[in-house]
């Protein structure tokens, strides 16, 4: 351990609501992304237990071909 590890800034904690079980999780997994016509899109998250049940959906990093 370095002195910077003890005195440096604390990492940001990400907390999100699971879209399946509706509980807060501190280890969110991005499972869906909803594009908005006005403004940025919305990323939906699941907890690690529910994420495998929901399957993978489009996320902002996915390339989705447009017809």
PDB file of N, CA and C in Angstrom:
ATOM      1  N   UNK A   1       0.848  -1.173   0.000  1.00  0.00           N
ATOM      2  CA  UNK A   1       0.000   0.000   0.000  1.00  0.00           C
ATOM      3  C   UNK A   1       0.885   1.225   0.000  1.00  0.00           C
ATOM      4  N   UNK A   2       0.504   2.210  -0.785  1.00  0.00           N
ATOM      5  CA  UNK A   2       1.258   3.456  -0.844  1.00  0.00           C
ATOM      6  C   UNK A   2       0.574   4.509   0.014  1.00  0.00           C
ATOM      7  N   UNK A   3       1.316   5.575   0.310  1.00  0.00           N
ATOM      8  CA  UNK A   3       0.712   6.658   1.094  1.00  0.00           C
ATOM      9  C   UNK A   3      -0.397   7.342   0.308  1.00  0.00           C
ATOM     10  N   UNK A   4      -0.275   7.345  -1.031  1.00  0.00           N
ATOM     11  CA  UNK A   4      -1.331   7.945  -1.847  1.00  0.00           C
ATOM     12  C   UNK A   4      -2.633   7.142  -1.739  1.00  0.00           C
ATOM     13  N   UNK A   5      -2.508   5.835  -1.573  1.00  0.00           N
ATOM     14  CA  UNK A   5      -3.688   5.000  -1.408  1.00  0.00           C
ATOM     15  C   UNK A   5      -4.427   5.306  -0.124  1.00  0.00           C
ATOM     16  N   UNK A   6      -3.705   5.797   0.872  1.00  0.00           N
ATOM     17  CA  UNK A   6      -4.334   6.133   2.149  1.00  0.00           C
ATOM     18  C   UNK A   6      -4.812   7.568   2.223  1.00  0.00           C
ATOM     19  N   UNK A   7      -4.148   8.466   1.507  1.00  0.00           N
ATOM     20  CA  UNK A   7      -4.477   9.890   1.624  1.00  0.00           C
ATOM     21  C   UNK A   7      -5.126  10.468   0.376  1.00  0.00           C
ATOM     22  N   UNK A   8      -5.164   9.715  -0.714  1.00  0.00           N
ATOM     23  CA  UNK A   8      -5.734  10.217  -1.965  1.00  0.00           C
ATOM     24  C   UNK A   8      -7.250  10.275  -1.916  1.00  0.00           C
ATOM     25  N   UNK A   9      -7.849  10.800  -2.949  1.00  0.00           N
ATOM     26  CA  UNK A   9      -9.304  10.893  -2.990  1.00  0.00           C
ATOM     27  C   UNK A   9      -9.946   9.501  -3.041  1.00  0.00           C
ATOM     28  N   UNK A  10     -11.090   9.382  -2.444  1.00  0.00           N
ATOM     29  CA  UNK A  10     -11.800   8.102  -2.454  1.00  0.00           C
ATOM     30  C   UNK A  10     -12.466   7.915  -3.808  1.00  0.00           C
ATOM     31  N   UNK A  11     -12.551   6.680  -4.289  1.00  0.00           N
ATOM     32  CA  UNK A  11     -13.197   6.451  -5.585  1.00  0.00           C
ATOM     33  C   UNK A  11     -14.697   6.712  -5.499  1.00  0.00           C
ATOM     34  N   UNK A  12     -15.257   7.114  -6.606  1.00  0.00           N
ATOM     35  CA  UNK A  12     -16.700   7.374  -6.656  1.00  0.00           C
ATOM     36  C   UNK A  12     -17.462   6.055  -6.574  1.00  0.00           C
ATOM     37  N   UNK A  13     -18.495   6.037  -5.768  1.00  0.00           N
ATOM     38  CA  UNK A  13     -19.321   4.853  -5.622  1.00  0.00           C
ATOM     39  C   UNK A  13     -20.562   5.027  -6.489  1.00  0.00           C
ATOM     40  N   UNK A  14     -20.782   4.063  -7.366  1.00  0.00           N
ATOM     41  CA  UNK A  14     -21.950   4.114  -8.234  1.00  0.00           C
ATOM     42  C   UNK A  14     -23.038   3.231  -7.640  1.00  0.00           C
ATOM     43  N   UNK A  15     -24.196   3.800  -7.434  1.00  0.00           N
ATOM     44  CA  UNK A  15     -25.342   3.065  -6.928  1.00  0.00           C
ATOM     45  C   UNK A  15     -26.466   3.235  -7.929  1.00  0.00           C
ATOM     46  N   UNK A  16     -27.135   2.138  -8.262  1.00  0.00           N
ATOM     47  CA  UNK A  16     -28.236   2.200  -9.213  1.00  0.00           C
ATOM     48  C   UNK A  16     -29.355   1.280  -8.752  1.00  0.00           C
ATOM     49  N   UNK A  17     -30.532   1.511  -9.270  1.00  0.00           N
ATOM     50  CA  UNK A  17     -31.697   0.698  -8.960  1.00  0.00           C
ATOM     51  C   UNK A  17     -31.797  -0.426  -9.982  1.00  0.00           C
ATOM     52  N   UNK A  18     -31.938  -1.655  -9.501  1.00  0.00           N
ATOM     53  CA  UNK A  18     -32.090  -2.812 -10.390  1.00  0.00           C
ATOM     54  C   UNK A  18     -33.474  -2.762 -11.033  1.00  0.00           C
ATOM     55  N   UNK A  19     -33.544  -2.946 -12.352  1.00  0.00           N
ATOM     56  CA  UNK A  19     -34.834  -2.864 -13.039  1.00  0.00           C
ATOM     57  C   UNK A  19     -35.691  -4.101 -12.814  1.00  0.00           C
ATOM     58  N   UNK A  20     -35.110  -5.184 -12.306  1.00  0.00           N
ATOM     59  CA  UNK A  20     -35.884  -6.404 -12.070  1.00  0.00           C
ATOM     60  C   UNK A  20     -36.368  -6.515 -10.630  1.00  0.00           C
ATOM     61  N   UNK A  21     -35.446  -6.491  -9.649  1.00  0.00           N
ATOM     62  CA  UNK A  21     -35.838  -6.676  -8.251  1.00  0.00           C
ATOM     63  C   UNK A  21     -36.113  -5.362  -7.524  1.00  0.00           C
ATOM     64  N   UNK A  22     -35.841  -4.230  -8.170  1.00  0.00           N
ATOM     65  CA  UNK A  22     -36.110  -2.891  -7.631  1.00  0.00           C
ATOM     66  C   UNK A  22     -35.340  -2.578  -6.355  1.00  0.00           C
ATOM     67  N   UNK A  23     -34.152  -3.174  -6.185  1.00  0.00           N
ATOM     68  CA  UNK A  23     -33.304  -2.892  -5.033  1.00  0.00           C
ATOM     69  C   UNK A  23     -32.082  -2.111  -5.486  1.00  0.00           C
ATOM     70  N   UNK A  24     -31.558  -1.266  -4.601  1.00  0.00           N
ATOM     71  CA  UNK A  24     -30.332  -0.540  -4.908  1.00  0.00           C
ATOM     72  C   UNK A  24     -29.158  -1.506  -4.907  1.00  0.00           C
ATOM     73  N   UNK A  25     -28.242  -1.305  -5.846  1.00  0.00           N
ATOM     74  CA  UNK A  25     -27.043  -2.134  -5.926  1.00  0.00           C
ATOM     75  C   UNK A  25     -25.829  -1.236  -6.090  1.00  0.00           C
ATOM     76  N   UNK A  26     -24.738  -1.605  -5.419  1.00  0.00           N
ATOM     77  CA  UNK A  26     -23.499  -0.841  -5.560  1.00  0.00           C
ATOM     78  C   UNK A  26     -22.594  -1.445  -6.623  1.00  0.00           C
ATOM     79  N   UNK A  27     -23.070  -2.498  -7.297  1.00  0.00           N
ATOM     80  CA  UNK A  27     -22.332  -3.129  -8.398  1.00  0.00           C
ATOM     81  C   UNK A  27     -23.250  -3.245  -9.607  1.00  0.00           C
ATOM     82  N   UNK A  28     -23.724  -2.109 -10.153  1.00  0.00           N
ATOM     83  CA  UNK A  28     -24.687  -2.178 -11.246  1.00  0.00           C
ATOM     84  C   UNK A  28     -24.080  -2.698 -12.545  1.00  0.00           C
ATOM     85  N   UNK A  29     -24.907  -3.442 -13.303  1.00  0.00           N
ATOM     86  CA  UNK A  29     -24.528  -3.966 -14.608  1.00  0.00           C
ATOM     87  C   UNK A  29     -25.460  -3.329 -15.629  1.00  0.00           C
ATOM     88  N   UNK A  30     -24.908  -2.664 -16.628  1.00  0.00           N
ATOM     89  CA  UNK A  30     -25.737  -2.044 -17.666  1.00  0.00           C
ATOM     90  C   UNK A  30     -26.360  -3.138 -18.521  1.00  0.00           C
ATOM     91  N   UNK A  31     -27.706  -3.172 -18.595  1.00  0.00           N
ATOM     92  CA  UNK A  31     -28.384  -4.216 -19.354  1.00  0.00           C
ATOM     93  C   UNK A  31     -29.235  -3.680 -20.494  1.00  0.00           C
ATOM     94  N   UNK A  32     -29.633  -2.450 -20.449  1.00  0.00           N
ATOM     95  CA  UNK A  32     -30.445  -1.863 -21.516  1.00  0.00           C
ATOM     96  C   UNK A  32     -30.069  -0.403 -21.699  1.00  0.00           C
ATOM     97  N   UNK A  33     -30.379   0.108 -22.876  1.00  0.00           N
ATOM     98  CA  UNK A  33     -30.179   1.528 -23.155  1.00  0.00           C
ATOM     99  C   UNK A  33     -31.360   1.995 -23.975  1.00  0.00           C
ATOM    100  N   UNK A  34     -31.997   3.056 -23.526  1.00  0.00           N
ATOM    101  CA  UNK A  34     -33.164   3.604 -24.211  1.00  0.00           C
ATOM    102  C   UNK A  34     -32.757   4.920 -24.832  1.00  0.00           C
ATOM    103  N   UNK A  35     -32.866   4.997 -26.146  1.00  0.00           N
ATOM    104  CA  UNK A  35     -32.500   6.221 -26.852  1.00  0.00           C
ATOM    105  C   UNK A  35     -33.615   7.238 -26.697  1.00  0.00           C
ATOM    106  N   UNK A  36     -33.237   8.481 -26.483  1.00  0.00           N
ATOM    107  CA  UNK A  36     -34.201   9.560 -26.342  1.00  0.00           C
ATOM    108  C   UNK A  36     -34.166  10.426 -27.593  1.00  0.00           C
ATOM    109  N   UNK A  37     -35.311  10.894 -28.005  1.00  0.00           N
ATOM    110  CA  UNK A  37     -35.371  11.752 -29.192  1.00  0.00           C
ATOM    111  C   UNK A  37     -34.906  13.170 -28.872  1.00  0.00           C
ATOM    112  N   UNK A  38     -35.003  13.568 -27.600  1.00  0.00           N
ATOM    113  CA  UNK A  38     -34.547  14.903 -27.210  1.00  0.00           C
ATOM    114  C   UNK A  38     -33.632  14.775 -26.004  1.00  0.00           C
ATOM    115  N   UNK A  39     -32.357  14.807 -26.240  1.00  0.00           N
ATOM    116  CA  UNK A  39     -31.396  14.703 -25.152  1.00  0.00           C
ATOM    117  C   UNK A  39     -30.698  13.357 -25.147  1.00  0.00           C
ATOM    118  N   UNK A  40     -29.898  13.142 -24.117  1.00  0.00           N
ATOM    119  CA  UNK A  40     -29.144  11.885 -24.048  1.00  0.00           C
ATOM    120  C   UNK A  40     -30.046  10.710 -23.712  1.00  0.00           C
ATOM    121  N   UNK A  41     -29.606   9.527 -24.048  1.00  0.00           N
ATOM    122  CA  UNK A  41     -30.355   8.316 -23.750  1.00  0.00           C
ATOM    123  C   UNK A  41     -30.250   7.948 -22.278  1.00  0.00           C
ATOM    124  N   UNK A  42     -30.961   6.896 -21.886  1.00  0.00           N
ATOM    125  CA  UNK A  42     -30.990   6.441 -20.510  1.00  0.00           C
ATOM    126  C   UNK A  42     -30.458   5.014 -20.444  1.00  0.00           C
ATOM    127  N   UNK A  43     -29.543   4.766 -19.531  1.00  0.00           N
ATOM    128  CA  UNK A  43     -29.022   3.425 -19.315  1.00  0.00           C
ATOM    129  C   UNK A  43     -29.769   2.807 -18.146  1.00  0.00           C
ATOM    130  N   UNK A  44     -30.248   1.576 -18.322  1.00  0.00           N
ATOM    131  CA  UNK A  44     -30.929   0.848 -17.265  1.00  0.00           C
ATOM    132  C   UNK A  44     -29.976  -0.196 -16.706  1.00  0.00           C
ATOM    133  N   UNK A  45     -30.011  -0.379 -15.406  1.00  0.00           N
ATOM    134  CA  UNK A  45     -29.068  -1.252 -14.724  1.00  0.00           C
ATOM    135  C   UNK A  45     -29.783  -2.387 -14.006  1.00  0.00           C
ATOM    136  N   UNK A  46     -29.033  -3.453 -13.755  1.00  0.00           N
ATOM    137  CA  UNK A  46     -29.514  -4.582 -12.960  1.00  0.00           C
ATOM    138  C   UNK A  46     -28.432  -4.942 -11.954  1.00  0.00           C
ATOM    139  N   UNK A  47     -28.843  -5.619 -10.895  1.00  0.00           N
ATOM    140  CA  UNK A  47     -27.859  -6.087  -9.921  1.00  0.00           C
ATOM    141  C   UNK A  47     -27.168  -7.326 -10.501  1.00  0.00           C
ATOM    142  N   UNK A  48     -26.026  -7.719  -9.961  1.00  0.00           N
ATOM    143  CA  UNK A  48     -25.313  -8.888 -10.502  1.00  0.00           C
ATOM    144  C   UNK A  48     -26.133 -10.174 -10.472  1.00  0.00           C
ATOM    145  N   UNK A  49     -27.071 -10.312  -9.528  1.00  0.00           N
ATOM    146  CA  UNK A  49     -27.898 -11.520  -9.469  1.00  0.00           C
ATOM    147  C   UNK A  49     -28.959 -11.550 -10.566  1.00  0.00           C
ATOM    148  N   UNK A  50     -29.525 -10.405 -10.908  1.00  0.00           N
ATOM    149  CA  UNK A  50     -30.607 -10.341 -11.902  1.00  0.00           C
ATOM    150  C   UNK A  50     -30.106 -10.184 -13.335  1.00  0.00           C
ATOM    151  N   UNK A  51     -28.900  -9.675 -13.518  1.00  0.00           N
ATOM    152  CA  UNK A  51     -28.388  -9.398 -14.865  1.00  0.00           C
ATOM    153  C   UNK A  51     -28.382 -10.618 -15.776  1.00  0.00           C
ATOM    154  N   UNK A  52     -27.953 -11.810 -15.320  1.00  0.00           N
ATOM    155  CA  UNK A  52     -27.973 -12.969 -16.231  1.00  0.00           C
ATOM    156  C   UNK A  52     -29.387 -13.369 -16.648  1.00  0.00           C
ATOM    157  N   UNK A  53     -30.369 -13.113 -15.806  1.00  0.00           N
ATOM    158  CA  UNK A  53     -31.761 -13.460 -16.128  1.00  0.00           C
ATOM    159  C   UNK A  53     -32.337 -12.531 -17.185  1.00  0.00           C
ATOM    160  N   UNK A  54     -31.853 -11.298 -17.238  1.00  0.00           N
ATOM    161  CA  UNK A  54     -32.371 -10.315 -18.195  1.00  0.00           C
ATOM    162  C   UNK A  54     -31.721 -10.441 -19.564  1.00  0.00           C
ATOM    163  N   UNK A  55     -30.537 -10.990 -19.625  1.00  0.00           N
ATOM    164  CA  UNK A  55     -29.845 -11.105 -20.900  1.00  0.00           C
ATOM    165  C   UNK A  55     -29.238  -9.783 -21.322  1.00  0.00           C
ATOM    166  N   UNK A  56     -28.485  -9.831 -22.366  1.00  0.00           N
ATOM    167  CA  UNK A  56     -27.814  -8.628 -22.857  1.00  0.00           C
ATOM    168  C   UNK A  56     -28.722  -7.865 -23.803  1.00  0.00           C
ATOM    169  N   UNK A  57     -28.785  -6.589 -23.589  1.00  0.00           N
ATOM    170  CA  UNK A  57     -29.571  -5.727 -24.467  1.00  0.00           C
ATOM    171  C   UNK A  57     -28.662  -4.680 -25.056  1.00  0.00           C
ATOM    172  N   UNK A  58     -29.186  -3.820 -25.869  1.00  0.00           N
ATOM    173  CA  UNK A  58     -28.319  -2.782 -26.448  1.00  0.00           C
ATOM    174  C   UNK A  58     -27.852  -1.806 -25.373  1.00  0.00           C
ATOM    175  N   UNK A  59     -26.588  -1.448 -25.436  1.00  0.00           N
ATOM    176  CA  UNK A  59     -26.003  -0.440 -24.572  1.00  0.00           C
ATOM    177  C   UNK A  59     -25.408   0.644 -25.469  1.00  0.00           C
ATOM    178  N   UNK A  60     -25.051   1.792 -24.922  1.00  0.00           N
ATOM    179  CA  UNK A  60     -24.504   2.856 -25.774  1.00  0.00           C
ATOM    180  C   UNK A  60     -23.254   2.446 -26.535  1.00  0.00           C
ATOM    181  N   UNK A  61     -22.526   1.448 -26.053  1.00  0.00           N
ATOM    182  CA  UNK A  61     -21.304   1.012 -26.733  1.00  0.00           C
ATOM    183  C   UNK A  61     -21.566   0.084 -27.907  1.00  0.00           C
ATOM    184  N   UNK A  62     -22.781  -0.439 -28.023  1.00  0.00           N
ATOM    185  CA  UNK A  62     -23.107  -1.355 -29.122  1.00  0.00           C
ATOM    186  C   UNK A  62     -23.356  -0.593 -30.413  1.00  0.00           C
ATOM    187  N   UNK A  63     -22.931  -1.166 -31.515  1.00  0.00           N
ATOM    188  CA  UNK A  63     -23.221  -0.594 -32.818  1.00  0.00           C
ATOM    189  C   UNK A  63     -24.490  -1.254 -33.351  1.00  0.00           C
ATOM    190  N   UNK A  64     -25.551  -0.471 -33.438  1.00  0.00           N
ATOM    191  CA  UNK A  64     -26.828  -0.987 -33.904  1.00  0.00           C
ATOM    192  C   UNK A  64     -27.066  -0.431 -35.310  1.00  0.00           C
ATOM    193  N   UNK A  65     -27.145  -1.287 -36.314  1.00  0.00           N
ATOM    194  CA  UNK A  65     -27.362  -0.795 -37.669  1.00  0.00           C
ATOM    195  C   UNK A  65     -28.758  -0.201 -37.818  1.00  0.00           C
ATOM    196  N   UNK A  66     -28.844   0.875 -38.547  1.00  0.00           N
ATOM    197  CA  UNK A  66     -30.145   1.486 -38.814  1.00  0.00           C
ATOM    198  C   UNK A  66     -30.604   1.061 -40.202  1.00  0.00           C
ATOM    199  N   UNK A  67     -31.882   0.773 -40.333  1.00  0.00           N
ATOM    200  CA  UNK A  67     -32.373   0.312 -41.642  1.00  0.00           C
ATOM    201  C   UNK A  67     -32.387   1.384 -42.683  1.00  0.00           C
TER     202      UNK A  67
END
